[in-house]
Amino acid sequence: MHERARFNEAHASELIRLSSDPVANKVVSADSIDEVYEWFTRGGGNEFRAGIASAHPGRYETIEDARAYVDTVQRRIRNATGGNGDLLDAVRTGKFQGEDMLTGSGQHKDLAAWLDGYHDRFAPDIILGVDQLPRGAMQRWDGLVDRM
């Protein structure tokens, strides 16, 4: 499988994980990150924080640890969406372009292909590749500059 196709599959999987995460849903739906911190430490999200803390003894027990966890979720969202509204909506709703990202058998069969056009702002260079000029283009520019 080509690097870009593998990236598309991984990207689709990450969007699905984020859309299934109550903390990520709160991050993309809240008016401010402070609202998320409050929700996660003292509000309705505290049950999720407690569950995470019990799964990782000694971690996520302090307010600072909880805030750091929320910050990592926020970074994951930024990395997976690049701030793109369509991708943020996918995290918020679990749907991409009106289609459920998850079907009865798992990931929607077309999701990775649909995401292909969304990588220009945030995919690694190895995925994007390099722009190449057609053969001889630089020689024509050199000739033009020489005549100036």
N, C-alpha and C. Protein backbone atom coordinates (compact mmCIF):
# COMPACT_ATOMS: atom_id res chain seq x y z
N MET A 1 0.86 -1.18 0.00
CA MET A 1 0.00 0.00 0.00
C MET A 1 0.90 1.24 0.00
N HIS A 2 0.56 2.21 -0.79
CA HIS A 2 1.31 3.46 -0.89
C HIS A 2 1.22 4.24 0.42
N GLU A 3 2.26 5.06 0.69
CA GLU A 3 2.30 5.85 1.93
C GLU A 3 1.04 6.68 2.12
N ARG A 4 0.58 7.31 1.05
CA ARG A 4 -0.60 8.18 1.17
C ARG A 4 -1.84 7.38 1.53
N ALA A 5 -1.99 6.21 0.93
CA ALA A 5 -3.15 5.37 1.24
C ALA A 5 -3.10 4.91 2.70
N ARG A 6 -1.91 4.57 3.19
CA ARG A 6 -1.78 4.17 4.60
C ARG A 6 -2.09 5.36 5.52
N PHE A 7 -1.62 6.55 5.12
CA PHE A 7 -1.92 7.74 5.91
C PHE A 7 -3.42 7.98 5.95
N ASN A 8 -4.09 7.85 4.81
CA ASN A 8 -5.54 8.05 4.76
C ASN A 8 -6.26 7.10 5.71
N GLU A 9 -5.84 5.83 5.73
CA GLU A 9 -6.45 4.85 6.63
C GLU A 9 -6.22 5.23 8.10
N ALA A 10 -4.99 5.62 8.42
CA ALA A 10 -4.67 6.01 9.80
C ALA A 10 -5.43 7.28 10.19
N HIS A 11 -5.54 8.20 9.25
CA HIS A 11 -6.26 9.45 9.50
C HIS A 11 -7.73 9.16 9.78
N ALA A 12 -8.33 8.31 8.95
CA ALA A 12 -9.73 7.93 9.15
C ALA A 12 -9.92 7.30 10.53
N SER A 13 -9.01 6.41 10.88
CA SER A 13 -9.08 5.74 12.17
C SER A 13 -8.98 6.73 13.33
N GLU A 14 -8.09 7.69 13.22
CA GLU A 14 -7.94 8.70 14.28
C GLU A 14 -9.19 9.56 14.40
N LEU A 15 -9.78 9.96 13.29
CA LEU A 15 -11.02 10.75 13.35
C LEU A 15 -12.13 9.96 14.03
N ILE A 16 -12.21 8.67 13.74
CA ILE A 16 -13.23 7.83 14.38
C ILE A 16 -12.97 7.74 15.88
N ARG A 17 -11.70 7.52 16.26
CA ARG A 17 -11.37 7.46 17.70
C ARG A 17 -11.75 8.76 18.39
N LEU A 18 -11.40 9.87 17.78
CA LEU A 18 -11.71 11.17 18.39
C LEU A 18 -13.22 11.37 18.50
N SER A 19 -13.96 10.99 17.45
CA SER A 19 -15.41 11.21 17.48
C SER A 19 -16.09 10.33 18.54
N SER A 20 -15.43 9.26 18.95
CA SER A 20 -15.97 8.36 19.97
C SER A 20 -15.52 8.72 21.38
N ASP A 21 -14.67 9.72 21.50
CA ASP A 21 -14.09 10.12 22.79
C ASP A 21 -14.88 11.29 23.37
N PRO A 22 -15.49 11.11 24.55
CA PRO A 22 -16.28 12.19 25.13
C PRO A 22 -15.46 13.46 25.42
N VAL A 23 -14.18 13.29 25.74
CA VAL A 23 -13.35 14.48 25.99
C VAL A 23 -13.12 15.23 24.68
N ALA A 24 -12.83 14.52 23.61
CA ALA A 24 -12.65 15.17 22.31
C ALA A 24 -13.93 15.85 21.87
N ASN A 25 -15.06 15.20 22.10
CA ASN A 25 -16.34 15.82 21.74
C ASN A 25 -16.55 17.12 22.50
N LYS A 26 -16.17 17.13 23.76
CA LYS A 26 -16.32 18.35 24.56
C LYS A 26 -15.37 19.43 24.04
N VAL A 27 -14.13 19.05 23.68
CA VAL A 27 -13.16 20.03 23.18
C VAL A 27 -13.69 20.71 21.92
N VAL A 28 -14.26 19.94 20.98
CA VAL A 28 -14.72 20.55 19.73
C VAL A 28 -16.06 21.26 19.88
N SER A 29 -16.77 21.01 20.96
CA SER A 29 -18.09 21.63 21.15
C SER A 29 -18.09 22.81 22.11
N ALA A 30 -17.10 22.89 22.96
CA ALA A 30 -17.07 23.92 24.01
C ALA A 30 -16.72 25.29 23.44
N ASP A 31 -17.12 26.32 24.17
CA ASP A 31 -16.80 27.69 23.79
C ASP A 31 -15.36 28.05 24.10
N SER A 32 -14.76 27.37 25.10
CA SER A 32 -13.38 27.68 25.47
C SER A 32 -12.73 26.45 26.08
N ILE A 33 -11.41 26.43 26.08
CA ILE A 33 -10.69 25.32 26.69
C ILE A 33 -10.89 25.33 28.20
N ASP A 34 -11.07 26.52 28.79
CA ASP A 34 -11.34 26.59 30.23
C ASP A 34 -12.64 25.88 30.59
N GLU A 35 -13.63 25.98 29.70
CA GLU A 35 -14.89 25.27 29.91
C GLU A 35 -14.64 23.76 29.94
N VAL A 36 -13.76 23.28 29.07
CA VAL A 36 -13.44 21.84 29.04
C VAL A 36 -12.70 21.44 30.31
N TYR A 37 -11.73 22.26 30.74
CA TYR A 37 -11.01 21.96 31.98
C TYR A 37 -11.99 21.82 33.14
N GLU A 38 -12.90 22.75 33.26
CA GLU A 38 -13.88 22.74 34.35
C GLU A 38 -14.75 21.48 34.26
N TRP A 39 -15.24 21.18 33.07
CA TRP A 39 -16.08 20.00 32.84
C TRP A 39 -15.33 18.72 33.21
N PHE A 40 -14.06 18.64 32.82
CA PHE A 40 -13.28 17.42 33.02
C PHE A 40 -12.85 17.23 34.47
N THR A 41 -12.67 18.31 35.20
CA THR A 41 -12.17 18.19 36.57
C THR A 41 -13.27 18.28 37.63
N ARG A 42 -14.32 19.06 37.35
CA ARG A 42 -15.34 19.27 38.39
C ARG A 42 -16.77 18.99 37.91
N GLY A 43 -16.95 18.92 36.61
CA GLY A 43 -18.29 18.75 36.07
C GLY A 43 -18.58 17.32 35.63
N GLY A 44 -19.44 17.21 34.63
CA GLY A 44 -19.88 15.91 34.14
C GLY A 44 -18.77 15.04 33.59
N GLY A 45 -17.68 15.65 33.15
CA GLY A 45 -16.56 14.87 32.61
C GLY A 45 -15.65 14.28 33.66
N ASN A 46 -15.90 14.64 34.93
CA ASN A 46 -15.04 14.13 36.00
C ASN A 46 -15.09 12.60 36.07
N GLU A 47 -16.23 12.00 35.71
CA GLU A 47 -16.31 10.53 35.71
C GLU A 47 -15.34 9.94 34.69
N PHE A 48 -15.15 10.62 33.55
CA PHE A 48 -14.19 10.14 32.56
C PHE A 48 -12.76 10.30 33.07
N ARG A 49 -12.51 11.44 33.74
CA ARG A 49 -11.18 11.66 34.31
C ARG A 49 -10.88 10.60 35.36
N ALA A 50 -11.86 10.29 36.19
CA ALA A 50 -11.67 9.28 37.23
C ALA A 50 -11.39 7.91 36.61
N GLY A 51 -12.08 7.59 35.53
CA GLY A 51 -11.84 6.32 34.84
C GLY A 51 -10.44 6.24 34.25
N ILE A 52 -10.00 7.34 33.66
CA ILE A 52 -8.65 7.40 33.10
C ILE A 52 -7.62 7.30 34.22
N ALA A 53 -7.87 8.00 35.32
CA ALA A 53 -6.94 7.98 36.46
C ALA A 53 -6.84 6.57 37.05
N SER A 54 -7.96 5.85 37.13
CA SER A 54 -7.91 4.50 37.71
C SER A 54 -7.20 3.53 36.76
N ALA A 55 -7.26 3.78 35.47
CA ALA A 55 -6.55 2.94 34.50
C ALA A 55 -5.06 3.22 34.49
N HIS A 56 -4.67 4.40 34.97
CA HIS A 56 -3.27 4.82 35.01
C HIS A 56 -2.96 5.34 36.42
N PRO A 57 -2.79 4.43 37.38
CA PRO A 57 -2.57 4.86 38.77
C PRO A 57 -1.40 5.85 38.89
N GLY A 58 -1.66 6.89 39.66
CA GLY A 58 -0.63 7.91 39.88
C GLY A 58 -0.64 9.01 38.84
N ARG A 59 -1.47 8.88 37.82
CA ARG A 59 -1.55 9.91 36.78
C ARG A 59 -2.97 10.46 36.73
N TYR A 60 -3.09 11.66 36.25
CA TYR A 60 -4.39 12.31 36.03
C TYR A 60 -5.18 12.49 37.32
N GLU A 61 -4.49 12.52 38.43
CA GLU A 61 -5.17 12.69 39.71
C GLU A 61 -5.22 14.14 40.15
N THR A 62 -4.28 14.94 39.70
CA THR A 62 -4.27 16.36 40.07
C THR A 62 -4.95 17.18 38.98
N ILE A 63 -5.31 18.39 39.33
CA ILE A 63 -5.90 19.32 38.36
C ILE A 63 -4.93 19.56 37.20
N GLU A 64 -3.65 19.71 37.52
CA GLU A 64 -2.65 19.97 36.48
C GLU A 64 -2.55 18.79 35.51
N ASP A 65 -2.58 17.56 36.06
CA ASP A 65 -2.54 16.37 35.21
C ASP A 65 -3.77 16.29 34.31
N ALA A 66 -4.92 16.61 34.88
CA ALA A 66 -6.17 16.58 34.11
C ALA A 66 -6.13 17.60 32.99
N ARG A 67 -5.64 18.79 33.29
CA ARG A 67 -5.53 19.83 32.26
C ARG A 67 -4.56 19.39 31.16
N ALA A 68 -3.46 18.76 31.57
CA ALA A 68 -2.48 18.28 30.59
C ALA A 68 -3.10 17.22 29.68
N TYR A 69 -3.95 16.37 30.24
CA TYR A 69 -4.63 15.37 29.42
C TYR A 69 -5.54 16.04 28.39
N VAL A 70 -6.32 17.00 28.84
CA VAL A 70 -7.19 17.74 27.91
C VAL A 70 -6.35 18.40 26.82
N ASP A 71 -5.21 18.94 27.19
CA ASP A 71 -4.33 19.57 26.20
C ASP A 71 -3.84 18.56 25.16
N THR A 72 -3.57 17.32 25.58
CA THR A 72 -3.13 16.31 24.60
C THR A 72 -4.26 15.96 23.65
N VAL A 73 -5.47 15.90 24.16
CA VAL A 73 -6.63 15.64 23.29
C VAL A 73 -6.81 16.79 22.30
N GLN A 74 -6.66 18.02 22.79
CA GLN A 74 -6.77 19.18 21.91
C GLN A 74 -5.71 19.12 20.80
N ARG A 75 -4.48 18.72 21.14
CA ARG A 75 -3.41 18.60 20.13
C ARG A 75 -3.74 17.52 19.11
N ARG A 76 -4.27 16.40 19.58
CA ARG A 76 -4.66 15.33 18.66
C ARG A 76 -5.71 15.83 17.68
N ILE A 77 -6.66 16.60 18.17
CA ILE A 77 -7.70 17.15 17.29
C ILE A 77 -7.07 18.10 16.28
N ARG A 78 -6.19 18.96 16.74
CA ARG A 78 -5.52 19.90 15.83
C ARG A 78 -4.71 19.14 14.77
N ASN A 79 -4.00 18.09 15.19
CA ASN A 79 -3.21 17.30 14.24
C ASN A 79 -4.09 16.56 13.24
N ALA A 80 -5.23 16.08 13.69
CA ALA A 80 -6.11 15.30 12.82
C ALA A 80 -6.98 16.15 11.91
N THR A 81 -7.21 17.40 12.29
CA THR A 81 -8.13 18.23 11.51
C THR A 81 -7.46 19.41 10.81
N GLY A 82 -6.32 19.83 11.32
CA GLY A 82 -5.69 21.03 10.78
C GLY A 82 -6.59 22.25 10.92
N GLY A 83 -7.60 22.17 11.78
CA GLY A 83 -8.54 23.27 11.96
C GLY A 83 -9.62 23.32 10.89
N ASN A 84 -9.65 22.35 10.00
CA ASN A 84 -10.64 22.32 8.92
C ASN A 84 -12.04 22.07 9.49
N GLY A 85 -12.99 22.91 9.10
CA GLY A 85 -14.36 22.82 9.61
C GLY A 85 -15.03 21.49 9.33
N ASP A 86 -14.84 20.94 8.14
CA ASP A 86 -15.45 19.64 7.80
C ASP A 86 -14.93 18.54 8.72
N LEU A 87 -13.62 18.58 8.99
CA LEU A 87 -13.01 17.55 9.83
C LEU A 87 -13.38 17.75 11.30
N LEU A 88 -13.48 19.00 11.73
CA LEU A 88 -13.94 19.26 13.10
C LEU A 88 -15.38 18.78 13.27
N ASP A 89 -16.22 19.00 12.26
CA ASP A 89 -17.59 18.49 12.31
C ASP A 89 -17.61 16.97 12.39
N ALA A 90 -16.68 16.32 11.68
CA ALA A 90 -16.60 14.85 11.73
C ALA A 90 -16.30 14.38 13.14
N VAL A 91 -15.40 15.06 13.82
CA VAL A 91 -15.09 14.71 15.22
C VAL A 91 -16.31 14.97 16.09
N ARG A 92 -16.99 16.07 15.86
CA ARG A 92 -18.14 16.47 16.68
C ARG A 92 -19.32 15.51 16.49
N THR A 93 -19.57 15.08 15.23
CA THR A 93 -20.80 14.36 14.93
C THR A 93 -20.62 12.87 14.63
N GLY A 94 -19.40 12.45 14.30
CA GLY A 94 -19.20 11.07 13.88
C GLY A 94 -19.60 10.84 12.44
N LYS A 95 -19.89 11.94 11.74
CA LYS A 95 -20.26 11.85 10.32
C LYS A 95 -19.30 12.69 9.49
N PHE A 96 -19.00 12.21 8.29
CA PHE A 96 -18.18 12.97 7.35
C PHE A 96 -18.98 13.14 6.08
N GLN A 97 -19.20 14.38 5.70
CA GLN A 97 -20.00 14.72 4.53
C GLN A 97 -21.37 14.02 4.58
N GLY A 98 -21.95 14.01 5.78
CA GLY A 98 -23.29 13.46 5.96
C GLY A 98 -23.35 11.95 6.11
N GLU A 99 -22.23 11.26 5.98
CA GLU A 99 -22.19 9.80 6.09
C GLU A 99 -21.57 9.40 7.42
N ASP A 100 -22.15 8.38 8.06
CA ASP A 100 -21.55 7.86 9.29
C ASP A 100 -20.15 7.33 9.00
N MET A 101 -19.18 7.72 9.83
CA MET A 101 -17.82 7.22 9.63
C MET A 101 -17.73 5.75 10.00
N LEU A 102 -18.56 5.32 10.93
CA LEU A 102 -18.62 3.91 11.32
C LEU A 102 -19.89 3.29 10.76
N THR A 103 -19.75 2.11 10.21
CA THR A 103 -20.92 1.36 9.74
C THR A 103 -21.01 0.10 10.59
N GLY A 104 -21.98 -0.74 10.32
CA GLY A 104 -22.14 -1.97 11.09
C GLY A 104 -20.91 -2.86 11.08
N SER A 105 -20.13 -2.78 10.01
CA SER A 105 -18.95 -3.65 9.90
C SER A 105 -17.65 -2.93 10.23
N GLY A 106 -17.73 -1.70 10.71
CA GLY A 106 -16.52 -0.95 11.04
C GLY A 106 -16.46 0.36 10.28
N GLN A 107 -15.26 0.75 9.93
CA GLN A 107 -15.04 2.02 9.23
C GLN A 107 -15.75 2.02 7.87
N HIS A 108 -16.41 3.13 7.55
CA HIS A 108 -17.06 3.26 6.24
C HIS A 108 -16.03 2.97 5.16
N LYS A 109 -16.39 2.15 4.19
CA LYS A 109 -15.43 1.68 3.19
C LYS A 109 -14.83 2.81 2.35
N ASP A 110 -15.50 3.94 2.25
CA ASP A 110 -15.00 5.04 1.42
C ASP A 110 -14.36 6.17 2.22
N LEU A 111 -14.37 6.08 3.54
CA LEU A 111 -13.91 7.20 4.36
C LEU A 111 -12.48 7.60 4.05
N ALA A 112 -11.57 6.66 4.00
CA ALA A 112 -10.15 7.00 3.75
C ALA A 112 -10.00 7.71 2.41
N ALA A 113 -10.70 7.25 1.40
CA ALA A 113 -10.60 7.89 0.08
C ALA A 113 -11.19 9.30 0.12
N TRP A 114 -12.27 9.49 0.85
CA TRP A 114 -12.88 10.82 0.95
C TRP A 114 -11.94 11.82 1.61
N LEU A 115 -11.11 11.34 2.53
CA LEU A 115 -10.21 12.23 3.27
C LEU A 115 -9.01 12.67 2.44
N ASP A 116 -8.76 12.04 1.32
CA ASP A 116 -7.54 12.29 0.56
C ASP A 116 -7.33 13.76 0.23
N GLY A 117 -8.37 14.49 -0.08
CA GLY A 117 -8.22 15.90 -0.44
C GLY A 117 -8.05 16.85 0.73
N TYR A 118 -8.04 16.34 1.94
CA TYR A 118 -7.99 17.21 3.12
C TYR A 118 -6.61 17.31 3.75
N HIS A 119 -5.59 16.74 3.14
CA HIS A 119 -4.29 16.64 3.79
C HIS A 119 -3.32 17.75 3.48
N ASP A 120 -3.62 18.61 2.55
CA ASP A 120 -2.64 19.59 2.10
C ASP A 120 -2.12 20.51 3.18
N ARG A 121 -2.90 20.74 4.23
CA ARG A 121 -2.47 21.68 5.28
C ARG A 121 -1.70 21.03 6.42
N PHE A 122 -1.85 19.71 6.62
CA PHE A 122 -1.28 19.16 7.84
C PHE A 122 -0.61 17.80 7.70
N ALA A 123 -0.67 17.18 6.55
CA ALA A 123 -0.01 15.88 6.40
C ALA A 123 1.50 16.06 6.32
N PRO A 124 2.26 15.06 6.75
CA PRO A 124 3.73 15.15 6.66
C PRO A 124 4.18 15.21 5.20
N ASP A 125 5.36 15.78 4.99
CA ASP A 125 5.89 15.94 3.63
C ASP A 125 6.00 14.61 2.90
N ILE A 126 6.32 13.53 3.61
CA ILE A 126 6.46 12.24 2.93
C ILE A 126 5.13 11.81 2.31
N ILE A 127 4.03 12.26 2.87
CA ILE A 127 2.71 11.94 2.33
C ILE A 127 2.37 12.87 1.18
N LEU A 128 2.65 14.15 1.36
CA LEU A 128 2.31 15.13 0.34
C LEU A 128 3.19 15.02 -0.89
N GLY A 129 4.43 14.57 -0.69
CA GLY A 129 5.36 14.52 -1.81
C GLY A 129 5.90 15.91 -2.09
N VAL A 130 6.61 16.04 -3.16
CA VAL A 130 7.19 17.33 -3.54
C VAL A 130 6.62 17.75 -4.88
N ASP A 131 6.46 19.05 -5.03
CA ASP A 131 6.04 19.57 -6.31
C ASP A 131 7.22 19.52 -7.26
N GLN A 132 6.97 19.08 -8.46
CA GLN A 132 8.03 19.01 -9.45
C GLN A 132 7.63 19.81 -10.68
N LEU A 133 8.62 20.48 -11.23
CA LEU A 133 8.40 21.22 -12.47
C LEU A 133 8.59 20.27 -13.64
N PRO A 134 7.91 20.54 -14.74
CA PRO A 134 8.12 19.70 -15.91
C PRO A 134 9.56 19.82 -16.41
N ARG A 135 10.03 18.77 -17.04
CA ARG A 135 11.39 18.73 -17.56
C ARG A 135 11.66 19.96 -18.44
N GLY A 136 12.76 20.63 -18.18
CA GLY A 136 13.18 21.78 -18.98
C GLY A 136 12.64 23.11 -18.51
N ALA A 137 11.75 23.12 -17.53
CA ALA A 137 11.15 24.39 -17.09
C ALA A 137 12.20 25.34 -16.54
N MET A 138 13.12 24.83 -15.74
CA MET A 138 14.16 25.70 -15.17
C MET A 138 15.11 26.21 -16.24
N GLN A 139 15.38 25.41 -17.25
CA GLN A 139 16.25 25.87 -18.34
C GLN A 139 15.60 27.04 -19.07
N ARG A 140 14.30 26.98 -19.25
CA ARG A 140 13.61 28.10 -19.90
C ARG A 140 13.70 29.35 -19.04
N TRP A 141 13.54 29.20 -17.72
CA TRP A 141 13.67 30.35 -16.82
C TRP A 141 15.10 30.89 -16.85
N ASP A 142 16.08 29.99 -16.85
CA ASP A 142 17.48 30.43 -16.93
C ASP A 142 17.71 31.25 -18.19
N GLY A 143 17.18 30.76 -19.30
CA GLY A 143 17.34 31.48 -20.57
C GLY A 143 16.68 32.85 -20.52
N LEU A 144 15.52 32.92 -19.90
CA LEU A 144 14.82 34.19 -19.78
C LEU A 144 15.63 35.18 -18.94
N VAL A 145 16.16 34.71 -17.82
CA VAL A 145 16.96 35.57 -16.95
C VAL A 145 18.23 36.02 -17.67
N ASP A 146 18.86 35.13 -18.42
CA ASP A 146 20.08 35.48 -19.15
C ASP A 146 19.83 36.61 -20.15
N ARG A 147 18.64 36.67 -20.72
CA ARG A 147 18.33 37.70 -21.72
C ARG A 147 17.98 39.03 -21.06
N MET A 148 17.76 39.07 -19.78
CA MET A 148 17.36 40.31 -19.10
C MET A 148 18.51 41.25 -18.96
